[in-house]
Amino acid sequence: MTDIPRPGQPVRGSRSGAPIMALFDLIGRRWAMGVLWTLAEIGPSTFRHLQEKCETISPAVLNQRLKELKAAGLVHRVEQGYAVTQLGKDLYLHLVPLGQVAKVWAENLAEEPLHS
């Protein structure tokens, strides 16, 4: 089985494995959020189509992320290929506002760079 972050077990940033930290560890992996986001936006997709939509992702990384997201219950296999589960869709819907905050943050940084 794929080694995925689990609540209650040590994860990046949390010895106790707080659920939010386990989730951030999972979606913070290279391409994990991109795969979830893309599937949520385009709907069910074959491996090849998903790889095209993610542009620079390698087949090995896509395969690994799909395994991890499936093991976490965020993605599942469907007749058309891969799709987000209801939990994956709920996560995506919560990430969209965070994406808006990130855009405002980027605009603010462009206007006034961080000082060290």
Protein backbone atom coordinates (compact mmCIF):
# COMPACT_ATOMS: atom_id res chain seq x y z
CA MET A 1 0.00 0.00 0.00
CA THR A 2 1.15 3.54 -0.72
CA ASP A 3 2.74 5.36 2.20
CA ILE A 4 0.43 8.33 2.78
CA PRO A 5 0.29 10.79 5.67
CA ARG A 6 -2.29 9.71 8.23
CA PRO A 7 -3.90 11.67 11.05
CA GLY A 8 -2.59 10.55 14.41
CA GLN A 9 0.83 9.62 13.04
CA PRO A 10 3.84 11.93 12.77
CA VAL A 11 3.84 13.95 9.52
CA ARG A 12 5.80 16.89 8.18
CA GLY A 13 5.27 19.74 10.62
CA SER A 14 3.46 17.74 13.31
CA ARG A 15 4.67 15.03 15.67
CA SER A 16 1.12 14.32 16.76
CA GLY A 17 -0.22 14.04 13.23
CA ALA A 18 -2.97 16.62 13.62
CA PRO A 19 -5.51 15.92 10.85
CA ILE A 20 -4.97 19.30 9.16
CA MET A 21 -1.19 18.76 9.15
CA ALA A 22 -1.57 15.26 7.70
CA LEU A 23 -3.80 16.68 4.97
CA PHE A 24 -1.35 19.50 4.23
CA ASP A 25 1.48 16.97 4.11
CA LEU A 26 -0.45 14.93 1.54
CA ILE A 27 -1.59 17.78 -0.71
CA GLY A 28 1.75 19.51 -0.31
CA ARG A 29 3.51 16.71 -2.15
CA ARG A 30 4.73 17.57 -5.62
CA TRP A 31 1.73 17.62 -7.97
CA ALA A 32 -0.77 16.20 -5.44
CA MET A 33 -2.89 19.34 -5.25
CA GLY A 34 -2.50 19.90 -8.99
CA VAL A 35 -3.84 16.43 -9.78
CA LEU A 36 -6.75 16.82 -7.35
CA TRP A 37 -7.53 20.33 -8.62
CA THR A 38 -7.38 19.29 -12.27
CA LEU A 39 -9.64 16.28 -11.76
CA ALA A 40 -12.12 18.40 -9.81
CA GLU A 41 -12.25 20.93 -12.64
CA ILE A 42 -12.27 18.66 -15.71
CA GLY A 43 -14.20 15.74 -14.27
CA PRO A 44 -13.45 12.06 -14.81
CA SER A 45 -10.35 11.56 -16.89
CA THR A 46 -8.11 8.86 -18.27
CA PHE A 47 -4.51 8.69 -17.13
CA ARG A 48 -3.28 10.03 -20.48
CA HIS A 49 -5.76 12.92 -20.57
CA LEU A 50 -4.95 13.86 -16.98
CA GLN A 51 -1.23 13.79 -17.79
CA GLU A 52 -1.84 16.13 -20.76
CA LYS A 53 -3.84 18.52 -18.59
CA CYS A 54 -1.11 18.56 -15.93
CA GLU A 55 1.41 19.34 -18.71
CA THR A 56 4.82 18.79 -17.10
CA ILE A 57 4.00 15.89 -14.76
CA SER A 58 5.89 12.68 -15.44
CA PRO A 59 3.96 9.40 -15.75
CA ALA A 60 5.78 8.05 -12.67
CA VAL A 61 4.83 11.03 -10.50
CA LEU A 62 1.23 11.01 -11.77
CA ASN A 63 0.95 7.30 -11.03
CA GLN A 64 2.35 7.80 -7.51
CA ARG A 65 0.06 10.75 -6.74
CA LEU A 66 -3.01 8.90 -8.01
CA LYS A 67 -2.13 5.95 -5.76
CA GLU A 68 -1.73 8.25 -2.76
CA LEU A 69 -4.90 10.22 -3.46
CA LYS A 70 -6.83 6.97 -3.95
CA ALA A 71 -5.46 5.54 -0.69
CA ALA A 72 -6.50 8.77 1.06
CA GLY A 73 -10.05 8.49 -0.30
CA LEU A 74 -9.85 11.68 -2.38
CA VAL A 75 -9.76 10.05 -5.84
CA HIS A 76 -11.24 6.82 -7.14
CA ARG A 77 -11.39 4.77 -10.31
CA VAL A 78 -14.49 5.16 -12.45
CA GLU A 79 -15.45 3.80 -15.85
CA GLN A 80 -13.94 6.87 -17.55
CA GLY A 81 -10.64 6.61 -15.61
CA TYR A 82 -10.09 8.67 -12.46
CA ALA A 83 -12.39 11.08 -10.63
CA VAL A 84 -12.54 12.90 -7.34
CA THR A 85 -14.64 11.33 -4.60
CA GLN A 86 -17.18 13.40 -2.71
CA LEU A 87 -14.51 14.04 -0.09
CA GLY A 88 -12.10 15.12 -2.83
CA LYS A 89 -14.75 17.47 -4.22
CA ASP A 90 -15.37 18.91 -0.74
CA LEU A 91 -11.64 19.50 -0.32
CA TYR A 92 -11.43 21.20 -3.71
CA LEU A 93 -14.36 23.48 -2.81
CA HIS A 94 -12.50 24.52 0.34
CA LEU A 95 -9.27 25.09 -1.59
CA VAL A 96 -10.85 27.46 -4.13
CA PRO A 97 -11.18 30.34 -1.61
CA LEU A 98 -7.61 29.68 -0.50
CA GLY A 99 -6.60 30.10 -4.15
CA GLN A 100 -8.27 33.51 -4.16
CA VAL A 101 -6.36 34.53 -1.04
CA ALA A 102 -3.15 33.36 -2.73
CA LYS A 103 -3.86 35.64 -5.72
CA VAL A 104 -4.37 38.65 -3.45
CA TRP A 105 -1.20 37.74 -1.56
CA ALA A 106 0.74 37.54 -4.84
CA GLU A 107 -0.61 40.94 -5.91
CA ASN A 108 0.39 42.44 -2.56
CA LEU A 109 3.89 41.01 -2.84
CA ALA A 110 4.24 42.38 -6.36
CA GLU A 111 3.35 45.84 -5.09
CA GLU A 112 5.42 45.68 -1.92
CA PRO A 113 8.11 42.95 -1.79
CA LEU A 114 8.81 41.17 1.49
CA HIS A 115 11.56 42.61 3.61
CA SER A 116 13.93 40.37 5.51
